[in-house]
C-alpha atoms as a PDB file:
ATOM      1  CA  UNK A   1       0.000   0.000   0.000  1.00  0.00           C
ATOM      2  CA  UNK A   2       2.866   2.413   0.911  1.00  0.00           C
ATOM      3  CA  UNK A   3       4.609   1.666  -2.379  1.00  0.00           C
ATOM      4  CA  UNK A   4       1.403   2.419  -4.272  1.00  0.00           C
ATOM      5  CA  UNK A   5       0.941   5.734  -2.459  1.00  0.00           C
ATOM      6  CA  UNK A   6       4.565   6.643  -3.114  1.00  0.00           C
ATOM      7  CA  UNK A   7       4.086   5.937  -6.802  1.00  0.00           C
ATOM      8  CA  UNK A   8       0.975   8.133  -6.954  1.00  0.00           C
ATOM      9  CA  UNK A   9       2.731  11.003  -5.175  1.00  0.00           C
ATOM     10  CA  UNK A  10       5.713  10.714  -7.521  1.00  0.00           C
ATOM     11  CA  UNK A  11       3.405  10.810 -10.536  1.00  0.00           C
ATOM     12  CA  UNK A  12       1.623  13.918  -9.236  1.00  0.00           C
ATOM     13  CA  UNK A  13       4.954  15.625  -8.515  1.00  0.00           C
ATOM     14  CA  UNK A  14       6.229  14.971 -12.032  1.00  0.00           C
ATOM     15  CA  UNK A  15       2.924  16.172 -13.507  1.00  0.00           C
ATOM     16  CA  UNK A  16       3.184  19.465 -11.601  1.00  0.00           C
ATOM     17  CA  UNK A  17       6.774  19.994 -12.778  1.00  0.00           C
ATOM     18  CA  UNK A  18       5.818  19.335 -16.394  1.00  0.00           C
ATOM     19  CA  UNK A  19       2.879  21.748 -16.158  1.00  0.00           C
ATOM     20  CA  UNK A  20       5.051  24.463 -14.598  1.00  0.00           C
ATOM     21  CA  UNK A  21       7.632  24.051 -17.329  1.00  0.00           C
ATOM     22  CA  UNK A  22       4.934  24.555 -19.924  1.00  0.00           C
ATOM     23  CA  UNK A  23       3.945  27.857 -18.307  1.00  0.00           C
ATOM     24  CA  UNK A  24       7.439  29.393 -18.405  1.00  0.00           C
ATOM     25  CA  UNK A  25       7.584  32.653 -20.339  1.00  0.00           C
ATOM     26  CA  UNK A  26       9.672  32.608 -23.531  1.00  0.00           C
ATOM     27  CA  UNK A  27      13.177  34.027 -23.401  1.00  0.00           C
ATOM     28  CA  UNK A  28      14.065  37.290 -25.077  1.00  0.00           C
ATOM     29  CA  UNK A  29      14.339  36.863 -28.817  1.00  0.00           C
ATOM     30  CA  UNK A  30      12.774  33.402 -28.661  1.00  0.00           C
ATOM     31  CA  UNK A  31      11.126  32.093 -31.806  1.00  0.00           C
ATOM     32  CA  UNK A  32       7.396  31.630 -31.421  1.00  0.00           C
ATOM     33  CA  UNK A  33       5.518  28.591 -32.698  1.00  0.00           C
ATOM     34  CA  UNK A  34       2.740  30.188 -34.700  1.00  0.00           C
ATOM     35  CA  UNK A  35       1.163  26.790 -35.333  1.00  0.00           C
ATOM     36  CA  UNK A  36      -0.065  26.667 -31.720  1.00  0.00           C
ATOM     37  CA  UNK A  37      -3.773  27.487 -31.680  1.00  0.00           C
ATOM     38  CA  UNK A  38      -5.007  28.681 -28.257  1.00  0.00           C
ATOM     39  CA  UNK A  39      -8.055  26.970 -26.752  1.00  0.00           C
ATOM     40  CA  UNK A  40     -11.191  29.051 -27.069  1.00  0.00           C
ATOM     41  CA  UNK A  41     -13.980  29.232 -24.508  1.00  0.00           C
ATOM     42  CA  UNK A  42     -17.575  30.347 -24.539  1.00  0.00           C
ATOM     43  CA  UNK A  43     -17.988  33.974 -23.483  1.00  0.00           C
ATOM     44  CA  UNK A  44     -21.321  35.487 -22.482  1.00  0.00           C
ATOM     45  CA  UNK A  45     -20.134  39.077 -21.943  1.00  0.00           C
ATOM     46  CA  UNK A  46     -19.352  41.303 -24.926  1.00  0.00           C
ATOM     47  CA  UNK A  47     -16.825  44.075 -24.224  1.00  0.00           C
ATOM     48  CA  UNK A  48     -16.660  47.059 -26.548  1.00  0.00           C
ATOM     49  CA  UNK A  49     -13.939  49.733 -26.637  1.00  0.00           C
ATOM     50  CA  UNK A  50     -15.574  52.912 -27.945  1.00  0.00           C
ATOM     51  CA  UNK A  51     -13.910  56.116 -29.176  1.00  0.00           C
ATOM     52  CA  UNK A  52     -16.084  59.236 -29.531  1.00  0.00           C
ATOM     53  CA  UNK A  53     -15.003  62.348 -31.429  1.00  0.00           C
ATOM     54  CA  UNK A  54     -16.703  65.544 -32.569  1.00  0.00           C
ATOM     55  CA  UNK A  55     -16.794  67.069 -36.051  1.00  0.00           C
ATOM     56  CA  UNK A  56     -13.323  68.551 -35.507  1.00  0.00           C
ATOM     57  CA  UNK A  57     -11.895  65.121 -34.676  1.00  0.00           C
ATOM     58  CA  UNK A  58     -11.409  65.974 -31.013  1.00  0.00           C
ATOM     59  CA  UNK A  59     -11.996  63.321 -28.344  1.00  0.00           C
ATOM     60  CA  UNK A  60     -15.221  63.810 -26.436  1.00  0.00           C
ATOM     61  CA  UNK A  61     -14.895  63.075 -22.731  1.00  0.00           C
ATOM     62  CA  UNK A  62     -17.320  63.329 -19.842  1.00  0.00           C
ATOM     63  CA  UNK A  63     -20.084  61.188 -21.358  1.00  0.00           C
ATOM     64  CA  UNK A  64     -22.038  58.842 -19.104  1.00  0.00           C
ATOM     65  CA  UNK A  65     -23.613  55.439 -19.598  1.00  0.00           C
ATOM     66  CA  UNK A  66     -26.930  57.131 -20.286  1.00  0.00           C
ATOM     67  CA  UNK A  67     -25.491  58.750 -23.417  1.00  0.00           C
ATOM     68  CA  UNK A  68     -24.888  55.355 -25.039  1.00  0.00           C
ATOM     69  CA  UNK A  69     -27.152  52.803 -26.652  1.00  0.00           C
ATOM     70  CA  UNK A  70     -25.975  49.410 -27.891  1.00  0.00           C
ATOM     71  CA  UNK A  71     -27.909  47.366 -30.436  1.00  0.00           C
ATOM     72  CA  UNK A  72     -27.278  43.757 -31.405  1.00  0.00           C
ATOM     73  CA  UNK A  73     -28.954  42.672 -34.626  1.00  0.00           C
ATOM     74  CA  UNK A  74     -31.221  45.694 -34.252  1.00  0.00           C
ATOM     75  CA  UNK A  75     -32.300  44.848 -30.690  1.00  0.00           C
ATOM     76  CA  UNK A  76     -31.503  47.263 -27.866  1.00  0.00           C
ATOM     77  CA  UNK A  77     -29.212  45.708 -25.257  1.00  0.00           C
ATOM     78  CA  UNK A  78     -28.825  46.466 -21.570  1.00  0.00           C
ATOM     79  CA  UNK A  79     -25.378  47.860 -20.776  1.00  0.00           C
ATOM     80  CA  UNK A  80     -24.099  45.941 -17.754  1.00  0.00           C
ATOM     81  CA  UNK A  81     -20.893  47.884 -17.137  1.00  0.00           C
ATOM     82  CA  UNK A  82     -19.432  51.222 -18.193  1.00  0.00           C
ATOM     83  CA  UNK A  83     -15.903  52.611 -17.834  1.00  0.00           C
ATOM     84  CA  UNK A  84     -14.887  56.156 -18.698  1.00  0.00           C
ATOM     85  CA  UNK A  85     -11.577  56.179 -16.853  1.00  0.00           C
ATOM     86  CA  UNK A  86      -8.032  55.896 -18.131  1.00  0.00           C
ATOM     87  CA  UNK A  87      -7.641  52.250 -17.189  1.00  0.00           C
ATOM     88  CA  UNK A  88      -4.387  50.353 -17.856  1.00  0.00           C
ATOM     89  CA  UNK A  89      -4.098  48.592 -21.201  1.00  0.00           C
ATOM     90  CA  UNK A  90      -1.933  45.874 -22.684  1.00  0.00           C
ATOM     91  CA  UNK A  91      -0.311  46.998 -25.929  1.00  0.00           C
ATOM     92  CA  UNK A  92       1.943  45.138 -28.317  1.00  0.00           C
ATOM     93  CA  UNK A  93       4.295  46.995 -30.673  1.00  0.00           C
ATOM     94  CA  UNK A  94       5.002  44.982 -33.835  1.00  0.00           C
ATOM     95  CA  UNK A  95       7.991  46.227 -35.824  1.00  0.00           C
ATOM     96  CA  UNK A  96       9.014  45.126 -39.299  1.00  0.00           C
ATOM     97  CA  UNK A  97      12.764  44.294 -39.344  1.00  0.00           C
ATOM     98  CA  UNK A  98      12.963  43.076 -42.920  1.00  0.00           C
ATOM     99  CA  UNK A  99      15.822  44.306 -45.086  1.00  0.00           C
ATOM    100  CA  UNK A 100      13.875  47.208 -46.574  1.00  0.00           C
ATOM    101  CA  UNK A 101      13.325  48.818 -43.150  1.00  0.00           C
ATOM    102  CA  UNK A 102      16.974  49.193 -42.139  1.00  0.00           C
ATOM    103  CA  UNK A 103      17.381  52.914 -42.773  1.00  0.00           C
ATOM    104  CA  UNK A 104      14.341  53.950 -40.731  1.00  0.00           C
ATOM    105  CA  UNK A 105      14.591  51.733 -37.627  1.00  0.00           C
ATOM    106  CA  UNK A 106      16.103  54.521 -35.467  1.00  0.00           C
ATOM    107  CA  UNK A 107      13.012  56.672 -36.130  1.00  0.00           C
ATOM    108  CA  UNK A 108      10.725  53.713 -35.412  1.00  0.00           C
ATOM    109  CA  UNK A 109      12.530  53.118 -32.120  1.00  0.00           C
ATOM    110  CA  UNK A 110      12.038  56.761 -31.155  1.00  0.00           C
ATOM    111  CA  UNK A 111       8.350  56.476 -32.048  1.00  0.00           C
ATOM    112  CA  UNK A 112       7.994  53.473 -29.745  1.00  0.00           C
ATOM    113  CA  UNK A 113       9.462  55.486 -26.899  1.00  0.00           C
ATOM    114  CA  UNK A 114       7.090  58.368 -27.699  1.00  0.00           C
ATOM    115  CA  UNK A 115       4.173  55.972 -27.438  1.00  0.00           C
ATOM    116  CA  UNK A 116       5.352  54.596 -24.101  1.00  0.00           C
ATOM    117  CA  UNK A 117       5.815  58.086 -22.647  1.00  0.00           C
ATOM    118  CA  UNK A 118       2.273  59.053 -23.695  1.00  0.00           C
ATOM    119  CA  UNK A 119       0.713  55.877 -22.316  1.00  0.00           C
ATOM    120  CA  UNK A 120      -0.718  55.129 -18.893  1.00  0.00           C
ATOM    121  CA  UNK A 121       2.297  54.417 -16.630  1.00  0.00           C
ATOM    122  CA  UNK A 122       0.598  51.162 -15.602  1.00  0.00           C
ATOM    123  CA  UNK A 123       0.191  49.880 -19.158  1.00  0.00           C
ATOM    124  CA  UNK A 124       1.676  46.486 -20.005  1.00  0.00           C
ATOM    125  CA  UNK A 125       3.803  46.758 -23.148  1.00  0.00           C
ATOM    126  CA  UNK A 126       5.592  44.170 -25.249  1.00  0.00           C
ATOM    127  CA  UNK A 127       7.482  44.091 -28.543  1.00  0.00           C
ATOM    128  CA  UNK A 128       7.290  41.633 -31.423  1.00  0.00           C
ATOM    129  CA  UNK A 129      10.092  42.005 -33.992  1.00  0.00           C
ATOM    130  CA  UNK A 130       9.748  40.209 -37.288  1.00  0.00           C
ATOM    131  CA  UNK A 131      11.530  39.521 -40.569  1.00  0.00           C
ATOM    132  CA  UNK A 132      11.857  35.872 -41.622  1.00  0.00           C
ATOM    133  CA  UNK A 133      11.707  35.079 -37.902  1.00  0.00           C
ATOM    134  CA  UNK A 134       9.125  36.261 -35.386  1.00  0.00           C
ATOM    135  CA  UNK A 135      10.479  36.936 -31.892  1.00  0.00           C
ATOM    136  CA  UNK A 136       9.423  38.468 -28.606  1.00  0.00           C
ATOM    137  CA  UNK A 137      12.070  40.979 -27.566  1.00  0.00           C
ATOM    138  CA  UNK A 138      11.853  41.416 -23.797  1.00  0.00           C
ATOM    139  CA  UNK A 139      14.049  39.981 -21.039  1.00  0.00           C
ATOM    140  CA  UNK A 140      13.511  36.330 -20.184  1.00  0.00           C
ATOM    141  CA  UNK A 141      10.489  35.526 -17.997  1.00  0.00           C
ATOM    142  CA  UNK A 142       9.161  39.081 -18.441  1.00  0.00           C
ATOM    143  CA  UNK A 143       6.254  39.052 -20.904  1.00  0.00           C
ATOM    144  CA  UNK A 144       5.398  42.760 -20.439  1.00  0.00           C
ATOM    145  CA  UNK A 145       7.135  45.990 -19.441  1.00  0.00           C
ATOM    146  CA  UNK A 146       6.402  49.652 -18.736  1.00  0.00           C
ATOM    147  CA  UNK A 147      10.077  50.669 -18.925  1.00  0.00           C
ATOM    148  CA  UNK A 148      10.757  52.923 -21.930  1.00  0.00           C
ATOM    149  CA  UNK A 149      14.437  51.921 -21.963  1.00  0.00           C
ATOM    150  CA  UNK A 150      13.553  48.258 -22.291  1.00  0.00           C
ATOM    151  CA  UNK A 151      11.068  49.075 -25.029  1.00  0.00           C
ATOM    152  CA  UNK A 152      13.615  51.108 -27.022  1.00  0.00           C
ATOM    153  CA  UNK A 153      16.214  48.355 -26.704  1.00  0.00           C
ATOM    154  CA  UNK A 154      13.692  45.705 -27.773  1.00  0.00           C
ATOM    155  CA  UNK A 155      12.861  47.633 -30.950  1.00  0.00           C
ATOM    156  CA  UNK A 156      16.410  48.570 -31.926  1.00  0.00           C
ATOM    157  CA  UNK A 157      18.542  45.533 -31.103  1.00  0.00           C
ATOM    158  CA  UNK A 158      17.368  43.338 -34.004  1.00  0.00           C
ATOM    159  CA  UNK A 159      19.198  43.787 -37.308  1.00  0.00           C
ATOM    160  CA  UNK A 160      17.108  44.673 -40.361  1.00  0.00           C
ATOM    161  CA  UNK A 161      17.499  41.857 -42.868  1.00  0.00           C
ATOM    162  CA  UNK A 162      15.637  39.139 -44.705  1.00  0.00           C
ATOM    163  CA  UNK A 163      12.010  38.858 -45.755  1.00  0.00           C
ATOM    164  CA  UNK A 164       8.720  39.707 -44.007  1.00  0.00           C
ATOM    165  CA  UNK A 165       6.505  37.402 -41.927  1.00  0.00           C
ATOM    166  CA  UNK A 166       3.867  39.980 -41.008  1.00  0.00           C
ATOM    167  CA  UNK A 167       0.923  37.581 -40.691  1.00  0.00           C
ATOM    168  CA  UNK A 168       2.800  35.205 -38.404  1.00  0.00           C
ATOM    169  CA  UNK A 169       3.902  38.155 -36.257  1.00  0.00           C
ATOM    170  CA  UNK A 170       0.319  39.306 -35.727  1.00  0.00           C
ATOM    171  CA  UNK A 171      -0.729  35.795 -34.707  1.00  0.00           C
ATOM    172  CA  UNK A 172       2.127  35.666 -32.174  1.00  0.00           C
ATOM    173  CA  UNK A 173       1.083  39.055 -30.757  1.00  0.00           C
ATOM    174  CA  UNK A 174      -2.565  37.987 -30.457  1.00  0.00           C
ATOM    175  CA  UNK A 175      -1.431  34.862 -28.640  1.00  0.00           C
ATOM    176  CA  UNK A 176       0.661  36.986 -26.275  1.00  0.00           C
ATOM    177  CA  UNK A 177      -2.362  39.142 -25.459  1.00  0.00           C
ATOM    178  CA  UNK A 178      -4.190  36.084 -24.130  1.00  0.00           C
ATOM    179  CA  UNK A 179      -1.911  36.097 -21.070  1.00  0.00           C
ATOM    180  CA  UNK A 180      -2.675  39.761 -20.317  1.00  0.00           C
ATOM    181  CA  UNK A 181      -4.808  40.828 -17.375  1.00  0.00           C
ATOM    182  CA  UNK A 182      -6.187  43.990 -18.998  1.00  0.00           C
ATOM    183  CA  UNK A 183      -9.569  44.047 -20.705  1.00  0.00           C
ATOM    184  CA  UNK A 184      -8.335  46.936 -22.870  1.00  0.00           C
ATOM    185  CA  UNK A 185      -5.912  45.534 -25.443  1.00  0.00           C
ATOM    186  CA  UNK A 186      -4.296  46.939 -28.580  1.00  0.00           C
ATOM    187  CA  UNK A 187      -1.639  46.209 -31.165  1.00  0.00           C
ATOM    188  CA  UNK A 188       0.408  48.766 -33.093  1.00  0.00           C
ATOM    189  CA  UNK A 189       1.792  47.408 -36.356  1.00  0.00           C
ATOM    190  CA  UNK A 190       4.642  49.289 -38.052  1.00  0.00           C
ATOM    191  CA  UNK A 191       5.102  47.830 -41.532  1.00  0.00           C
ATOM    192  CA  UNK A 192       4.493  48.325 -45.239  1.00  0.00           C
ATOM    193  CA  UNK A 193       1.785  45.634 -45.163  1.00  0.00           C
ATOM    194  CA  UNK A 194       3.674  43.243 -47.412  1.00  0.00           C
ATOM    195  CA  UNK A 195       4.240  39.593 -46.525  1.00  0.00           C
ATOM    196  CA  UNK A 196       6.471  37.095 -48.299  1.00  0.00           C
ATOM    197  CA  UNK A 197       7.552  34.722 -45.510  1.00  0.00           C
ATOM    198  CA  UNK A 198       4.575  33.737 -43.307  1.00  0.00           C
ATOM    199  CA  UNK A 199       3.268  30.215 -42.789  1.00  0.00           C
ATOM    200  CA  UNK A 200      -0.263  31.556 -42.446  1.00  0.00           C
ATOM    201  CA  UNK A 201      -2.633  33.442 -44.718  1.00  0.00           C
ATOM    202  CA  UNK A 202      -4.225  36.825 -44.194  1.00  0.00           C
ATOM    203  CA  UNK A 203      -7.660  35.212 -43.865  1.00  0.00           C
ATOM    204  CA  UNK A 204      -6.421  33.305 -40.823  1.00  0.00           C
ATOM    205  CA  UNK A 205      -5.077  36.503 -39.296  1.00  0.00           C
ATOM    206  CA  UNK A 206      -8.445  38.243 -39.736  1.00  0.00           C
ATOM    207  CA  UNK A 207     -10.256  35.313 -38.122  1.00  0.00           C
ATOM    208  CA  UNK A 208      -8.032  35.462 -35.039  1.00  0.00           C
ATOM    209  CA  UNK A 209      -8.155  39.272 -34.886  1.00  0.00           C
ATOM    210  CA  UNK A 210     -11.957  39.206 -34.917  1.00  0.00           C
ATOM    211  CA  UNK A 211     -11.916  36.634 -32.134  1.00  0.00           C
ATOM    212  CA  UNK A 212      -9.636  38.762 -29.942  1.00  0.00           C
ATOM    213  CA  UNK A 213     -10.190  41.789 -27.733  1.00  0.00           C
ATOM    214  CA  UNK A 214      -7.535  43.782 -29.555  1.00  0.00           C
ATOM    215  CA  UNK A 215      -7.937  47.025 -31.447  1.00  0.00           C
ATOM    216  CA  UNK A 216      -5.229  47.081 -34.111  1.00  0.00           C
ATOM    217  CA  UNK A 217      -3.585  50.351 -35.132  1.00  0.00           C
ATOM    218  CA  UNK A 218      -1.369  50.291 -38.200  1.00  0.00           C
ATOM    219  CA  UNK A 219       1.350  52.687 -39.360  1.00  0.00           C
ATOM    220  CA  UNK A 220       2.248  52.254 -43.007  1.00  0.00           C
ATOM    221  CA  UNK A 221       5.935  52.894 -43.709  1.00  0.00           C
ATOM    222  CA  UNK A 222       6.762  52.681 -47.400  1.00  0.00           C
ATOM    223  CA  UNK A 223      10.172  52.558 -49.047  1.00  0.00           C
ATOM    224  CA  UNK A 224      10.587  53.443 -52.716  1.00  0.00           C
ATOM    225  CA  UNK A 225      10.845  50.602 -55.239  1.00  0.00           C
ATOM    226  CA  UNK A 226       9.614  47.975 -52.763  1.00  0.00           C
ATOM    227  CA  UNK A 227       7.354  45.515 -54.607  1.00  0.00           C
ATOM    228  CA  UNK A 228       5.614  43.863 -51.632  1.00  0.00           C
ATOM    229  CA  UNK A 229       3.944  46.949 -50.167  1.00  0.00           C
ATOM    230  CA  UNK A 230       0.289  46.390 -49.288  1.00  0.00           C
ATOM    231  CA  UNK A 231      -1.505  49.329 -47.643  1.00  0.00           C
ATOM    232  CA  UNK A 232      -4.824  47.535 -48.128  1.00  0.00           C
ATOM    233  CA  UNK A 233      -3.830  44.913 -45.566  1.00  0.00           C
ATOM    234  CA  UNK A 234      -3.058  47.619 -43.008  1.00  0.00           C
ATOM    235  CA  UNK A 235      -6.381  49.352 -43.634  1.00  0.00           C
ATOM    236  CA  UNK A 236      -8.321  46.088 -43.339  1.00  0.00           C
ATOM    237  CA  UNK A 237      -6.688  45.133 -40.052  1.00  0.00           C
ATOM    238  CA  UNK A 238      -7.518  48.505 -38.515  1.00  0.00           C
ATOM    239  CA  UNK A 239     -11.077  48.680 -39.821  1.00  0.00           C
ATOM    240  CA  UNK A 240     -11.879  45.108 -38.810  1.00  0.00           C
ATOM    241  CA  UNK A 241     -10.884  45.631 -35.185  1.00  0.00           C
ATOM    242  CA  UNK A 242     -11.990  49.206 -34.554  1.00  0.00           C
ATOM    243  CA  UNK A 243      -8.482  50.662 -34.685  1.00  0.00           C
ATOM    244  CA  UNK A 244      -7.053  53.206 -37.125  1.00  0.00           C
ATOM    245  CA  UNK A 245      -4.667  53.117 -40.078  1.00  0.00           C
ATOM    246  CA  UNK A 246      -2.074  55.874 -40.513  1.00  0.00           C
ATOM    247  CA  UNK A 247       0.086  56.583 -43.553  1.00  0.00           C
ATOM    248  CA  UNK A 248       2.652  59.252 -42.624  1.00  0.00           C
ATOM    249  CA  UNK A 249       4.135  61.326 -45.441  1.00  0.00           C
ATOM    250  CA  UNK A 250       7.500  61.434 -43.674  1.00  0.00           C
ATOM    251  CA  UNK A 251       9.228  59.664 -40.781  1.00  0.00           C
ATOM    252  CA  UNK A 252       9.018  62.887 -38.790  1.00  0.00           C
ATOM    253  CA  UNK A 253       5.297  62.230 -38.333  1.00  0.00           C
ATOM    254  CA  UNK A 254       5.626  58.738 -36.845  1.00  0.00           C
ATOM    255  CA  UNK A 255       6.368  59.801 -33.263  1.00  0.00           C
ATOM    256  CA  UNK A 256       3.365  62.154 -33.178  1.00  0.00           C
ATOM    257  CA  UNK A 257       1.166  59.386 -34.614  1.00  0.00           C
ATOM    258  CA  UNK A 258       2.267  57.038 -31.827  1.00  0.00           C
ATOM    259  CA  UNK A 259       1.416  59.711 -29.273  1.00  0.00           C
ATOM    260  CA  UNK A 260      -2.000  60.119 -30.929  1.00  0.00           C
ATOM    261  CA  UNK A 261      -2.608  56.365 -30.731  1.00  0.00           C
ATOM    262  CA  UNK A 262      -1.662  56.379 -27.048  1.00  0.00           C
ATOM    263  CA  UNK A 263      -4.211  59.105 -26.406  1.00  0.00           C
ATOM    264  CA  UNK A 264      -6.870  57.269 -28.407  1.00  0.00           C
ATOM    265  CA  UNK A 265      -6.404  54.217 -26.198  1.00  0.00           C
ATOM    266  CA  UNK A 266      -6.495  56.291 -23.015  1.00  0.00           C
ATOM    267  CA  UNK A 267      -9.621  58.225 -24.028  1.00  0.00           C
ATOM    268  CA  UNK A 268     -11.734  55.176 -24.920  1.00  0.00           C
ATOM    269  CA  UNK A 269     -14.948  54.318 -23.171  1.00  0.00           C
ATOM    270  CA  UNK A 270     -15.489  50.649 -22.362  1.00  0.00           C
ATOM    271  CA  UNK A 271     -19.006  49.212 -22.556  1.00  0.00           C
ATOM    272  CA  UNK A 272     -20.069  45.647 -21.776  1.00  0.00           C
ATOM    273  CA  UNK A 273     -23.334  43.780 -22.147  1.00  0.00           C
ATOM    274  CA  UNK A 274     -24.705  40.253 -22.019  1.00  0.00           C
ATOM    275  CA  UNK A 275     -26.595  39.452 -25.252  1.00  0.00           C
ATOM    276  CA  UNK A 276     -30.347  39.243 -24.759  1.00  0.00           C
ATOM    277  CA  UNK A 277     -30.360  36.261 -27.133  1.00  0.00           C
ATOM    278  CA  UNK A 278     -28.097  33.403 -25.968  1.00  0.00           C
ATOM    279  CA  UNK A 279     -24.910  33.191 -28.025  1.00  0.00           C
ATOM    280  CA  UNK A 280     -25.284  29.544 -29.011  1.00  0.00           C
ATOM    281  CA  UNK A 281     -26.357  29.501 -32.637  1.00  0.00           C
ATOM    282  CA  UNK A 282     -22.936  30.118 -34.153  1.00  0.00           C
ATOM    283  CA  UNK A 283     -24.197  33.041 -36.224  1.00  0.00           C
ATOM    284  CA  UNK A 284     -22.767  36.489 -36.792  1.00  0.00           C
ATOM    285  CA  UNK A 285     -24.150  39.230 -34.543  1.00  0.00           C
ATOM    286  CA  UNK A 286     -24.077  42.799 -35.801  1.00  0.00           C
ATOM    287  CA  UNK A 287     -23.428  45.540 -33.254  1.00  0.00           C
ATOM    288  CA  UNK A 288     -24.271  49.229 -33.492  1.00  0.00           C
ATOM    289  CA  UNK A 289     -23.364  51.825 -30.872  1.00  0.00           C
ATOM    290  CA  UNK A 290     -25.177  55.165 -30.801  1.00  0.00           C
ATOM    291  CA  UNK A 291     -24.378  58.238 -28.746  1.00  0.00           C
ATOM    292  CA  UNK A 292     -26.847  60.988 -27.858  1.00  0.00           C
ATOM    293  CA  UNK A 293     -25.601  64.089 -26.041  1.00  0.00           C
ATOM    294  CA  UNK A 294     -27.558  67.331 -26.001  1.00  0.00           C
ATOM    295  CA  UNK A 295     -24.368  69.357 -25.556  1.00  0.00           C
ATOM    296  CA  UNK A 296     -22.958  68.149 -28.897  1.00  0.00           C
ATOM    297  CA  UNK A 297     -24.421  68.622 -32.370  1.00  0.00           C
ATOM    298  CA  UNK A 298     -22.999  65.494 -33.949  1.00  0.00           C
ATOM    299  CA  UNK A 299     -20.655  62.797 -32.704  1.00  0.00           C
ATOM    300  CA  UNK A 300     -18.632  60.142 -34.485  1.00  0.00           C
ATOM    301  CA  UNK A 301     -18.356  56.682 -32.918  1.00  0.00           C
ATOM    302  CA  UNK A 302     -15.616  54.180 -33.684  1.00  0.00           C
ATOM    303  CA  UNK A 303     -15.873  50.673 -32.284  1.00  0.00           C
ATOM    304  CA  UNK A 304     -16.114  47.060 -33.356  1.00  0.00           C
ATOM    305  CA  UNK A 305     -19.173  46.120 -35.319  1.00  0.00           C
ATOM    306  CA  UNK A 306     -20.000  42.510 -34.543  1.00  0.00           C
ATOM    307  CA  UNK A 307     -18.950  39.111 -33.276  1.00  0.00           C
ATOM    308  CA  UNK A 308     -19.299  35.459 -34.129  1.00  0.00           C
ATOM    309  CA  UNK A 309     -21.511  33.726 -31.568  1.00  0.00           C
ATOM    310  CA  UNK A 310     -21.553  30.070 -30.681  1.00  0.00           C
ATOM    311  CA  UNK A 311     -20.060  27.575 -28.214  1.00  0.00           C
ATOM    312  CA  UNK A 312     -16.271  27.360 -27.841  1.00  0.00           C
ATOM    313  CA  UNK A 313     -15.851  30.673 -29.611  1.00  0.00           C
ATOM    314  CA  UNK A 314     -14.534  33.955 -28.280  1.00  0.00           C
ATOM    315  CA  UNK A 315     -16.390  37.130 -29.318  1.00  0.00           C
ATOM    316  CA  UNK A 316     -15.444  37.770 -32.933  1.00  0.00           C
ATOM    317  CA  UNK A 317     -15.609  41.439 -33.835  1.00  0.00           C
ATOM    318  CA  UNK A 318     -15.610  42.868 -37.321  1.00  0.00           C
ATOM    319  CA  UNK A 319     -15.411  46.125 -39.260  1.00  0.00           C
ATOM    320  CA  UNK A 320     -15.332  49.395 -37.336  1.00  0.00           C
ATOM    321  CA  UNK A 321     -18.869  50.551 -36.692  1.00  0.00           C
ATOM    322  CA  UNK A 322     -19.714  54.107 -37.542  1.00  0.00           C
ATOM    323  CA  UNK A 323     -22.413  55.712 -35.438  1.00  0.00           C
ATOM    324  CA  UNK A 324     -23.765  59.190 -35.013  1.00  0.00           C
ATOM    325  CA  UNK A 325     -25.791  61.216 -32.610  1.00  0.00           C
END
């Protein structure tokens, strides 16, 4: 009997060690296995990040829950929670390190620092560098940081060379976000939109992006005589997830764009509701958010526009909804 108990205890001990080893954070610069597909679970609460601006493009603050209405497939929903505070976010910075980007990486590094300095000091930040290889570039066992020096080093220490695995990089970043504690999540993609090295297709990236909580902001950096440029990909990623696409005319604009993105994230409202119709049919649910405020003539709403319902599926959001007062 004692031998049997000893054997059981030894088995349990080994099982715990194996599990703990599987939870260890990847080392800095570690390759990521983009073939790993995270397990999805059924979610009954739909969270919506909402940006509200006026006709001049200025952020509108000070609105309350009563100013908002949320419709799902045309049916008014009951808002169960409302946040109008600058709550911490988890943000991933994805930087193209393919050969064509070599001359502009110093400016991109400076832009990353500008973003960090404009962010909430409690934000969780991480960096994904990509060329032929996709890698997380933070110190070992440290999946996130708020240190601007670490962020700058993570962006600048990888040499610009090789081809571009943009799609794989986005999948790695979305996977990284699943370990974040923040409900507010975003990705910032600095690239020309081209891809000539990924294992996965753009359709797969869109599917995972729609199933995530992330708003994706893209900054299109284009080098002359580069055949693989694809601004349409950058626009689609942003529109699908409720983010924004930027196409600076010069590198001097990139730092200010990053600061603008940081403010956009900080000024968002966060709404949540439980669908009045159980999310079990596997169909697509269209979402519309409206804002009514007597103190403003007309307001512009940017958010996600829908999700894919059904068991074992995370909320799947699609093209940025446009609403008005």
